[in-house]
């Protein structure tokens, strides 16, 4: 484990972070869509208002001041773009005017453990351990007097911390009467910033030298390829993806068999990352009406009205979309790959075949031989939460697994003796993991 995690604290990563504005569960789906477009990791924390918080058994001695435990109780969960699209794709929600006004309390999945409040002086290594255990956001008090200088709050100073007061004009003295810095004043107790796993990866990119030799080590040698991922075959209805159990990353691989029918290759994904800044209504319609392969590849914009009408009649697979006579009653809302954030070329016919186009509909992939640094750079440059891993010696994108934030954090904090030797094949490693 690199010493950089001991010398840095959470406060170092919050410098310049904007103040968090709470998004309440009484807000509408329409408001949530706007908020998610400006968020990180394709999701937003959802909170209950203080007025609806159940009475606390032990009132705070300072009256109306909310402590960390009370604030933690108000946190509901994290709402992602995939959650919203899956909700809007339900048959009862396809009436867009009504669905967009529904409060997000009916959409978000409650999970109080995804966020944790920490002090700015918390060691970075401790914060990483929290994230490895499933925490996706760190709520950090935002103090106007915080100085983002790591070694001023380092264990190198014999367990003593620099004085952190608003009137302090010098940075050379140590506070001898306290082993923790004063991180906030009364006027800033209710001001927080939210630290995501993406922020941590961005920090790691800036200290790659301190992590050597990990950054140049292949992900297969590090043993961080996650083979326990969600997937759906391209021939199945896309709505089936929403029935997969929740996972991290929030993504479902869309697979189709190779020509020899012995392996599966990835042709796309249904994920919060891909749907982050999409047309949510168009994506919801497509999720409810198309097959998974059609959903990830998109329907071309230049289809004739006749062919699109035929397509509406023949491709409805979401269920509950017809009247008693079997006639489709789905609104003829035109869907295209561009309308849900994809950008293909201009194919001339409807097909599931991947050779038609790729563009933004192509999943973000790497090889088993890719280095850790390369995967981290891919994720940051594409603002993605994960990268799909394919076989190194194949050009067919044969899917092996996935690498997300959790796998990267596990790699950088793992003891060197736990790494898989580079001369061993990944297949052997994978079989050992499954045994």
Protein backbone atom coordinates (compact mmCIF):
# COMPACT_ATOMS: atom_id res chain seq x y z
CA UNK A 1 0.00 0.00 0.00
CA UNK A 2 1.37 3.41 -1.00
CA UNK A 3 2.30 5.82 1.79
CA UNK A 4 0.47 8.57 -0.07
CA UNK A 5 -2.76 7.28 1.47
CA UNK A 6 -1.36 7.89 4.95
CA UNK A 7 -0.06 11.38 4.22
CA UNK A 8 -3.27 12.67 2.70
CA UNK A 9 -6.64 13.34 4.27
CA UNK A 10 -10.14 13.69 2.88
CA UNK A 11 -9.91 17.48 3.13
CA UNK A 12 -7.23 17.49 0.42
CA UNK A 13 -9.71 16.13 -2.11
CA UNK A 14 -12.46 18.60 -1.27
CA UNK A 15 -10.56 21.77 -2.16
CA UNK A 16 -12.61 23.61 -4.77
CA UNK A 17 -15.61 21.28 -4.45
CA UNK A 18 -18.92 23.16 -4.61
CA UNK A 19 -21.31 23.19 -1.70
CA UNK A 20 -23.83 20.36 -1.82
CA UNK A 21 -27.47 21.30 -2.33
CA UNK A 22 -29.78 18.64 -0.93
CA UNK A 23 -32.22 17.05 -3.35
CA UNK A 24 -35.39 16.05 -1.51
CA UNK A 25 -37.53 12.99 -2.09
CA UNK A 26 -40.54 15.25 -2.61
CA UNK A 27 -39.04 16.64 -5.82
CA UNK A 28 -40.40 15.38 -9.13
CA UNK A 29 -38.83 13.00 -11.62
CA UNK A 30 -38.53 15.92 -14.01
CA UNK A 31 -36.40 17.83 -11.47
CA UNK A 32 -34.29 14.74 -10.83
CA UNK A 33 -33.46 14.41 -14.53
CA UNK A 34 -32.08 17.94 -14.56
CA UNK A 35 -30.08 17.33 -11.38
CA UNK A 36 -28.60 14.05 -12.60
CA UNK A 37 -27.31 15.77 -15.73
CA UNK A 38 -25.08 17.90 -13.52
CA UNK A 39 -24.01 15.11 -11.16
CA UNK A 40 -21.07 12.73 -10.93
CA UNK A 41 -21.33 8.94 -11.26
CA UNK A 42 -24.68 9.42 -13.04
CA UNK A 43 -26.67 9.73 -9.82
CA UNK A 44 -27.73 12.07 -7.04
CA UNK A 45 -28.14 11.59 -3.27
CA UNK A 46 -31.78 11.90 -2.19
CA UNK A 47 -32.74 13.30 1.21
CA UNK A 48 -35.79 13.63 3.40
CA UNK A 49 -36.65 17.10 4.58
CA UNK A 50 -35.92 17.82 8.21
CA UNK A 51 -39.58 18.46 8.94
CA UNK A 52 -40.51 14.86 8.12
CA UNK A 53 -37.71 13.29 10.16
CA UNK A 54 -39.10 11.14 13.02
CA UNK A 55 -38.45 12.58 16.50
CA UNK A 56 -34.99 11.65 17.72
CA UNK A 57 -34.98 9.65 21.00
CA UNK A 58 -32.06 11.72 22.27
CA UNK A 59 -32.48 15.37 21.26
CA UNK A 60 -29.34 17.29 20.49
CA UNK A 61 -28.23 19.47 23.43
CA UNK A 62 -27.97 22.49 21.16
CA UNK A 63 -31.61 22.33 20.11
CA UNK A 64 -32.10 22.83 16.37
CA UNK A 65 -28.54 21.91 15.36
CA UNK A 66 -28.58 18.68 13.38
CA UNK A 67 -25.88 16.17 14.27
CA UNK A 68 -24.34 13.59 11.94
CA UNK A 69 -26.58 10.77 13.14
CA UNK A 70 -29.74 12.76 12.46
CA UNK A 71 -28.41 13.77 9.05
CA UNK A 72 -27.59 10.15 8.23
CA UNK A 73 -31.18 9.18 9.03
CA UNK A 74 -32.45 11.74 6.53
CA UNK A 75 -30.41 10.23 3.69
CA UNK A 76 -32.61 7.97 1.56
CA UNK A 77 -30.40 6.61 -1.22
CA UNK A 78 -28.83 7.43 -4.57
CA UNK A 79 -31.02 7.89 -7.63
CA UNK A 80 -29.41 7.07 -10.98
CA UNK A 81 -30.36 7.68 -14.59
CA UNK A 82 -30.99 3.95 -15.03
CA UNK A 83 -33.43 3.99 -12.11
CA UNK A 84 -35.46 6.74 -13.77
CA UNK A 85 -35.50 5.16 -17.23
CA UNK A 86 -36.53 1.80 -15.76
CA UNK A 87 -39.32 3.51 -13.81
CA UNK A 88 -40.60 5.44 -16.81
CA UNK A 89 -40.55 2.24 -18.88
CA UNK A 90 -43.26 0.68 -16.73
CA UNK A 91 -46.55 0.37 -18.58
CA UNK A 92 -48.38 2.57 -16.07
CA UNK A 93 -45.78 5.33 -16.46
CA UNK A 94 -45.71 5.60 -20.23
CA UNK A 95 -48.10 8.54 -20.01
CA UNK A 96 -45.22 11.00 -19.85
CA UNK A 97 -47.17 14.01 -18.56
CA UNK A 98 -48.11 12.19 -15.38
CA UNK A 99 -44.92 10.22 -14.86
CA UNK A 100 -42.64 13.24 -14.96
CA UNK A 101 -44.54 14.80 -12.04
CA UNK A 102 -44.25 11.77 -9.77
CA UNK A 103 -42.11 12.38 -6.62
CA UNK A 104 -38.77 10.59 -6.62
CA UNK A 105 -39.68 8.92 -3.32
CA UNK A 106 -41.55 6.42 -5.52
CA UNK A 107 -38.48 5.81 -7.69
CA UNK A 108 -35.36 5.77 -5.52
CA UNK A 109 -34.36 2.51 -3.85
CA UNK A 110 -33.75 3.19 -0.13
CA UNK A 111 -30.20 2.37 0.89
CA UNK A 112 -28.91 4.38 3.82
CA UNK A 113 -25.42 2.82 3.68
CA UNK A 114 -24.36 4.42 0.36
CA UNK A 115 -23.36 7.71 2.02
CA UNK A 116 -21.35 8.44 5.14
CA UNK A 117 -20.38 11.69 6.83
CA UNK A 118 -16.69 12.03 7.63
CA UNK A 119 -14.45 14.74 9.04
CA UNK A 120 -12.05 16.57 6.67
CA UNK A 121 -9.19 15.25 8.80
CA UNK A 122 -10.09 11.62 8.08
CA UNK A 123 -7.11 9.80 6.60
CA UNK A 124 -7.51 8.97 2.93
CA UNK A 125 -6.75 5.31 3.60
CA UNK A 126 -9.72 5.17 5.99
CA UNK A 127 -11.97 6.82 3.41
CA UNK A 128 -10.90 4.27 0.79
CA UNK A 129 -11.74 1.43 3.16
CA UNK A 130 -15.24 2.87 3.59
CA UNK A 131 -15.69 3.02 -0.17
CA UNK A 132 -14.44 -0.54 -0.53
CA UNK A 133 -17.19 -1.57 1.89
CA UNK A 134 -19.89 -0.06 -0.33
CA UNK A 135 -19.99 3.66 0.51
CA UNK A 136 -20.34 5.66 -2.74
CA UNK A 137 -20.43 9.21 -1.38
CA UNK A 138 -18.60 10.90 1.48
CA UNK A 139 -20.30 13.89 3.05
CA UNK A 140 -17.59 16.29 4.21
CA UNK A 141 -18.18 19.47 6.25
CA UNK A 142 -17.19 22.44 4.13
CA UNK A 143 -15.35 24.97 6.28
CA UNK A 144 -14.18 28.34 4.98
CA UNK A 145 -10.99 28.03 7.02
CA UNK A 146 -9.91 24.61 5.74
CA UNK A 147 -6.47 24.52 4.14
CA UNK A 148 -6.00 21.81 1.56
CA UNK A 149 -2.37 21.07 2.36
CA UNK A 150 -1.91 17.39 2.95
CA UNK A 151 1.27 17.18 5.00
CA UNK A 152 0.03 19.77 7.46
CA UNK A 153 -2.35 17.06 8.61
CA UNK A 154 0.01 14.13 8.28
CA UNK A 155 0.98 11.48 10.80
CA UNK A 156 4.56 12.65 10.13
CA UNK A 157 3.96 15.37 12.73
CA UNK A 158 4.05 12.91 15.64
CA UNK A 159 0.30 12.68 15.88
CA UNK A 160 -0.12 16.45 16.33
CA UNK A 161 -2.18 18.60 14.02
CA UNK A 162 -1.67 22.11 12.82
CA UNK A 163 -3.81 24.78 14.38
CA UNK A 164 -6.66 25.45 11.97
CA UNK A 165 -8.28 28.66 13.09
CA UNK A 166 -9.79 31.47 11.13
CA UNK A 167 -7.44 34.06 12.59
CA UNK A 168 -4.26 32.06 12.18
CA UNK A 169 -1.85 33.84 9.92
CA UNK A 170 1.00 31.36 10.22
CA UNK A 171 1.29 27.76 9.10
CA UNK A 172 4.40 26.90 11.10
CA UNK A 173 2.92 26.27 14.54
CA UNK A 174 1.47 23.04 15.84
CA UNK A 175 -1.53 22.73 18.10
CA UNK A 176 -0.24 20.97 21.17
CA UNK A 177 -3.56 20.64 22.96
CA UNK A 178 -5.44 18.68 20.32
CA UNK A 179 -4.79 15.80 17.98
CA UNK A 180 -7.56 16.78 15.56
CA UNK A 181 -8.04 19.99 13.59
CA UNK A 182 -11.00 22.27 14.06
CA UNK A 183 -12.71 21.71 10.77
CA UNK A 184 -15.64 24.05 10.92
CA UNK A 185 -17.15 27.06 12.62
CA UNK A 186 -20.70 27.37 13.85
CA UNK A 187 -21.61 29.44 10.82
CA UNK A 188 -20.61 26.65 8.43
CA UNK A 189 -21.94 23.60 10.27
CA UNK A 190 -24.65 23.04 7.70
CA UNK A 191 -22.39 23.44 4.67
CA UNK A 192 -21.12 20.24 3.11
CA UNK A 193 -19.56 19.00 -0.08
CA UNK A 194 -20.01 15.53 -1.50
CA UNK A 195 -16.96 13.45 -2.41
CA UNK A 196 -17.54 10.67 -4.95
CA UNK A 197 -15.44 7.72 -6.03
CA UNK A 198 -14.77 9.54 -9.28
CA UNK A 199 -13.07 12.28 -7.25
CA UNK A 200 -10.84 9.66 -5.64
CA UNK A 201 -9.86 8.16 -9.01
CA UNK A 202 -9.08 11.66 -10.29
CA UNK A 203 -6.79 12.15 -7.29
CA UNK A 204 -5.08 8.80 -7.92
CA UNK A 205 -4.31 9.81 -11.51
CA UNK A 206 -2.40 12.77 -10.10
CA UNK A 207 -0.21 10.61 -7.84
CA UNK A 208 0.54 7.68 -10.15
CA UNK A 209 4.26 7.95 -9.42
CA UNK A 210 3.65 7.28 -5.74
CA UNK A 211 1.69 4.14 -6.64
CA UNK A 212 4.46 2.53 -8.72
CA UNK A 213 4.64 -0.17 -9.97
CA UNK A 214 0.85 -0.65 -9.81
CA UNK A 215 -0.16 1.78 -12.59
CA UNK A 216 1.75 -0.12 -15.27
CA UNK A 217 0.68 -3.55 -14.06
CA UNK A 218 -1.99 -5.33 -16.08
CA UNK A 219 -5.44 -5.66 -14.53
CA UNK A 220 -5.28 -9.44 -14.94
CA UNK A 221 -2.05 -9.60 -12.95
CA UNK A 222 -3.63 -7.45 -10.26
CA UNK A 223 -6.54 -9.88 -10.11
CA UNK A 224 -9.20 -7.16 -10.12
CA UNK A 225 -11.36 -8.29 -13.06
CA UNK A 226 -14.86 -8.82 -11.71
CA UNK A 227 -16.47 -11.84 -13.39
CA UNK A 228 -19.70 -11.51 -11.40
CA UNK A 229 -21.50 -9.04 -13.66
CA UNK A 230 -25.08 -8.69 -14.89
CA UNK A 231 -25.82 -9.46 -18.52
CA UNK A 232 -28.68 -10.01 -20.94
CA UNK A 233 -28.73 -11.64 -24.36
CA UNK A 234 -29.41 -9.36 -27.32
CA UNK A 235 -32.43 -11.42 -28.37
CA UNK A 236 -34.29 -10.85 -25.10
CA UNK A 237 -36.62 -7.90 -24.39
CA UNK A 238 -34.61 -4.94 -23.12
CA UNK A 239 -37.01 -4.52 -20.20
CA UNK A 240 -35.64 -7.79 -18.78
CA UNK A 241 -32.47 -5.86 -17.86
CA UNK A 242 -34.40 -4.02 -15.15
CA UNK A 243 -35.18 -7.33 -13.46
CA UNK A 244 -31.53 -8.11 -12.81
CA UNK A 245 -30.43 -7.75 -9.17
CA UNK A 246 -28.80 -4.42 -8.23
CA UNK A 247 -25.05 -4.41 -8.69
CA UNK A 248 -22.03 -2.13 -8.70
CA UNK A 249 -21.38 -0.84 -11.30
CA UNK A 250 -24.99 -0.13 -12.28
CA UNK A 251 -24.70 -1.73 -15.72
CA UNK A 252 -25.99 -4.72 -17.66
CA UNK A 253 -23.90 -6.07 -20.53
CA UNK A 254 -25.77 -6.94 -23.74
CA UNK A 255 -24.26 -10.09 -25.25
CA UNK A 256 -24.66 -12.11 -28.40
CA UNK A 257 -23.14 -15.45 -29.29
CA UNK A 258 -20.19 -15.75 -31.59
CA UNK A 259 -20.50 -17.62 -34.87
CA UNK A 260 -19.38 -20.88 -33.29
CA UNK A 261 -21.99 -20.43 -30.51
CA UNK A 262 -19.37 -21.23 -27.89
CA UNK A 263 -18.67 -17.78 -26.49
CA UNK A 264 -20.40 -14.45 -25.96
CA UNK A 265 -19.25 -11.07 -27.17
CA UNK A 266 -20.39 -7.75 -25.83
CA UNK A 267 -22.25 -5.50 -28.28
CA UNK A 268 -23.44 -2.85 -25.86
CA UNK A 269 -24.69 -2.11 -22.39
CA UNK A 270 -27.74 -0.81 -20.55
CA UNK A 271 -26.27 1.32 -17.81
CA UNK A 272 -26.52 4.52 -15.83
CA UNK A 273 -23.40 5.77 -17.63
CA UNK A 274 -24.89 5.39 -21.10
CA UNK A 275 -28.21 6.90 -20.07
CA UNK A 276 -26.68 9.73 -18.06
CA UNK A 277 -27.59 12.63 -20.36
CA UNK A 278 -30.07 10.96 -22.67
CA UNK A 279 -33.63 11.74 -23.70
CA UNK A 280 -35.24 9.88 -20.81
CA UNK A 281 -38.68 9.52 -22.36
CA UNK A 282 -37.31 8.14 -25.62
CA UNK A 283 -35.03 5.77 -23.72
CA UNK A 284 -37.91 4.59 -21.54
CA UNK A 285 -40.07 3.92 -24.60
CA UNK A 286 -37.24 1.97 -26.21
CA UNK A 287 -36.56 -0.01 -23.05
CA UNK A 288 -40.21 -1.05 -22.88
CA UNK A 289 -40.63 -1.84 -26.58
CA UNK A 290 -37.36 -3.09 -28.04
CA UNK A 291 -35.14 -6.08 -27.73
CA UNK A 292 -31.88 -5.57 -25.90
CA UNK A 293 -29.84 -5.70 -29.11
CA UNK A 294 -32.08 -3.14 -30.76
CA UNK A 295 -31.95 -0.89 -27.72
CA UNK A 296 -28.16 -0.63 -27.58
CA UNK A 297 -27.76 -0.28 -31.34
CA UNK A 298 -30.63 2.17 -31.81
CA UNK A 299 -33.18 2.58 -34.56
CA UNK A 300 -32.01 4.71 -37.44
CA UNK A 301 -33.46 8.18 -37.93
CA UNK A 302 -34.18 7.81 -41.64
CA UNK A 303 -36.74 5.01 -41.46
CA UNK A 304 -39.86 5.68 -43.49
CA UNK A 305 -43.11 6.31 -41.64
CA UNK A 306 -44.48 3.04 -43.00
CA UNK A 307 -41.55 0.93 -41.87
CA UNK A 308 -41.52 2.60 -38.46
CA UNK A 309 -45.24 1.95 -38.08
CA UNK A 310 -44.65 -1.70 -38.91
CA UNK A 311 -41.79 -1.70 -36.44
CA UNK A 312 -44.08 -0.42 -33.69
CA UNK A 313 -46.50 -3.26 -34.37
CA UNK A 314 -43.98 -6.07 -34.49
CA UNK A 315 -41.35 -5.16 -31.94
CA UNK A 316 -43.43 -4.44 -28.86
CA UNK A 317 -42.03 -6.80 -26.25
CA UNK A 318 -42.60 -4.97 -22.98
CA UNK A 319 -46.02 -6.46 -22.32
CA UNK A 320 -49.22 -4.68 -21.50
CA UNK A 321 -48.96 -2.51 -24.57
CA UNK A 322 -51.99 -3.67 -26.54
CA UNK A 323 -55.72 -3.58 -26.27
CA UNK A 324 -58.01 -6.59 -26.01
CA UNK A 325 -57.85 -7.15 -29.77
CA UNK A 326 -54.07 -7.37 -29.68
CA UNK A 327 -53.57 -4.03 -31.40
CA UNK A 328 -50.59 -2.04 -30.18
CA UNK A 329 -51.60 1.11 -28.34
CA UNK A 330 -48.12 2.48 -27.74
CA UNK A 331 -47.75 6.15 -28.60
CA UNK A 332 -45.91 6.56 -31.89
CA UNK A 333 -43.01 8.42 -30.35
CA UNK A 334 -40.07 8.15 -32.71
CA UNK A 335 -37.01 6.64 -31.13
CA UNK A 336 -33.50 6.84 -32.47
CA UNK A 337 -30.05 6.08 -31.22
CA UNK A 338 -29.34 9.80 -31.13
CA UNK A 339 -32.39 10.47 -28.97
CA UNK A 340 -31.03 8.35 -26.12
CA UNK A 341 -27.53 9.72 -26.39
CA UNK A 342 -26.03 7.40 -29.00
CA UNK A 343 -24.46 8.64 -32.20
CA UNK A 344 -24.34 6.05 -34.97
CA UNK A 345 -23.65 6.56 -38.61
CA UNK A 346 -26.53 6.29 -41.07
CA UNK A 347 -27.53 2.67 -41.62
CA UNK A 348 -30.17 1.93 -44.21
CA UNK A 349 -32.00 -0.94 -42.61
CA UNK A 350 -33.11 -2.21 -39.23
CA UNK A 351 -30.81 -4.87 -37.85
CA UNK A 352 -29.32 -6.07 -34.62
CA UNK A 353 -26.00 -6.65 -36.35
CA UNK A 354 -23.13 -4.81 -34.75
CA UNK A 355 -21.31 -4.22 -38.03
CA UNK A 356 -23.85 -1.53 -38.98
CA UNK A 357 -22.38 1.15 -36.75
CA UNK A 358 -20.74 1.73 -33.41
CA UNK A 359 -20.32 5.36 -32.38
CA UNK A 360 -21.29 6.11 -28.79
CA UNK A 361 -23.42 2.99 -28.67
CA UNK A 362 -20.24 0.92 -28.47
CA UNK A 363 -19.42 -0.15 -24.91
CA UNK A 364 -16.24 1.09 -23.29
CA UNK A 365 -13.84 -1.86 -23.32
CA UNK A 366 -10.27 -2.76 -22.53
CA UNK A 367 -8.19 -5.93 -22.71
CA UNK A 368 -7.10 -8.22 -19.92
CA UNK A 369 -3.58 -7.03 -20.68
CA UNK A 370 -4.48 -3.34 -20.22
CA UNK A 371 -2.66 -1.54 -17.44
CA UNK A 372 -4.38 -0.15 -14.38
CA UNK A 373 -3.42 3.40 -15.37
CA UNK A 374 -4.93 2.96 -18.84
CA UNK A 375 -8.23 1.75 -17.39
CA UNK A 376 -8.37 4.63 -14.92
CA UNK A 377 -7.70 7.11 -17.73
CA UNK A 378 -10.46 5.54 -19.84
CA UNK A 379 -12.98 5.86 -17.05
CA UNK A 380 -12.16 9.50 -16.34
CA UNK A 381 -12.00 10.62 -19.96
CA UNK A 382 -15.41 9.06 -20.68
CA UNK A 383 -16.91 9.92 -17.27
CA UNK A 384 -17.74 6.23 -16.97
CA UNK A 385 -18.19 4.19 -13.81
CA UNK A 386 -16.69 1.03 -15.32
CA UNK A 387 -14.86 -0.57 -18.24
CA UNK A 388 -15.76 -3.95 -19.72
CA UNK A 389 -12.83 -6.35 -20.06
CA UNK A 390 -12.40 -8.53 -23.16
CA UNK A 391 -9.94 -11.25 -24.09
CA UNK A 392 -6.51 -9.93 -25.00
CA UNK A 393 -5.94 -12.30 -27.95
CA UNK A 394 -9.34 -11.84 -29.60
CA UNK A 395 -10.77 -9.19 -31.90
CA UNK A 396 -14.37 -10.27 -31.28
CA UNK A 397 -14.80 -8.52 -27.91
CA UNK A 398 -15.27 -11.79 -26.04
CA UNK A 399 -16.37 -10.59 -22.61
CA UNK A 400 -14.34 -11.65 -19.60
CA UNK A 401 -15.52 -9.31 -16.87
CA UNK A 402 -15.72 -5.70 -15.74
CA UNK A 403 -13.57 -3.27 -13.78
CA UNK A 404 -15.27 -0.52 -11.79
CA UNK A 405 -14.44 1.89 -9.00
CA UNK A 406 -14.52 -0.83 -6.37
CA UNK A 407 -11.97 -2.98 -8.18
CA UNK A 408 -9.59 -0.05 -8.64
CA UNK A 409 -9.80 0.94 -4.98
CA UNK A 410 -9.14 -2.67 -4.03
CA UNK A 411 -6.06 -2.75 -6.26
CA UNK A 412 -4.40 0.41 -4.93
CA UNK A 413 -4.89 -0.62 -1.30
CA UNK A 414 -3.96 -4.29 -1.69
CA UNK A 415 -0.72 -5.64 -0.28
CA UNK A 416 1.80 -6.52 -3.05
CA UNK A 417 1.94 -10.16 -1.94
CA UNK A 418 -1.73 -10.53 -2.88
CA UNK A 419 -1.17 -9.77 -6.57
CA UNK A 420 -1.38 -12.51 -9.18
CA UNK A 421 1.97 -13.18 -10.89
CA UNK A 422 2.05 -11.75 -14.39
CA UNK A 423 3.15 -15.06 -15.93
CA UNK A 424 -0.10 -16.74 -14.97
CA UNK A 425 -3.04 -16.74 -17.32
CA UNK A 426 -6.27 -15.00 -16.39
CA UNK A 427 -8.25 -18.13 -17.15
CA UNK A 428 -6.42 -19.96 -14.39
CA UNK A 429 -6.98 -17.07 -12.01
CA UNK A 430 -10.68 -16.90 -12.81
CA UNK A 431 -11.17 -20.61 -12.19
CA UNK A 432 -9.46 -20.31 -8.84
CA UNK A 433 -11.78 -17.49 -7.86
CA UNK A 434 -14.81 -19.55 -8.76
CA UNK A 435 -13.68 -22.61 -6.89
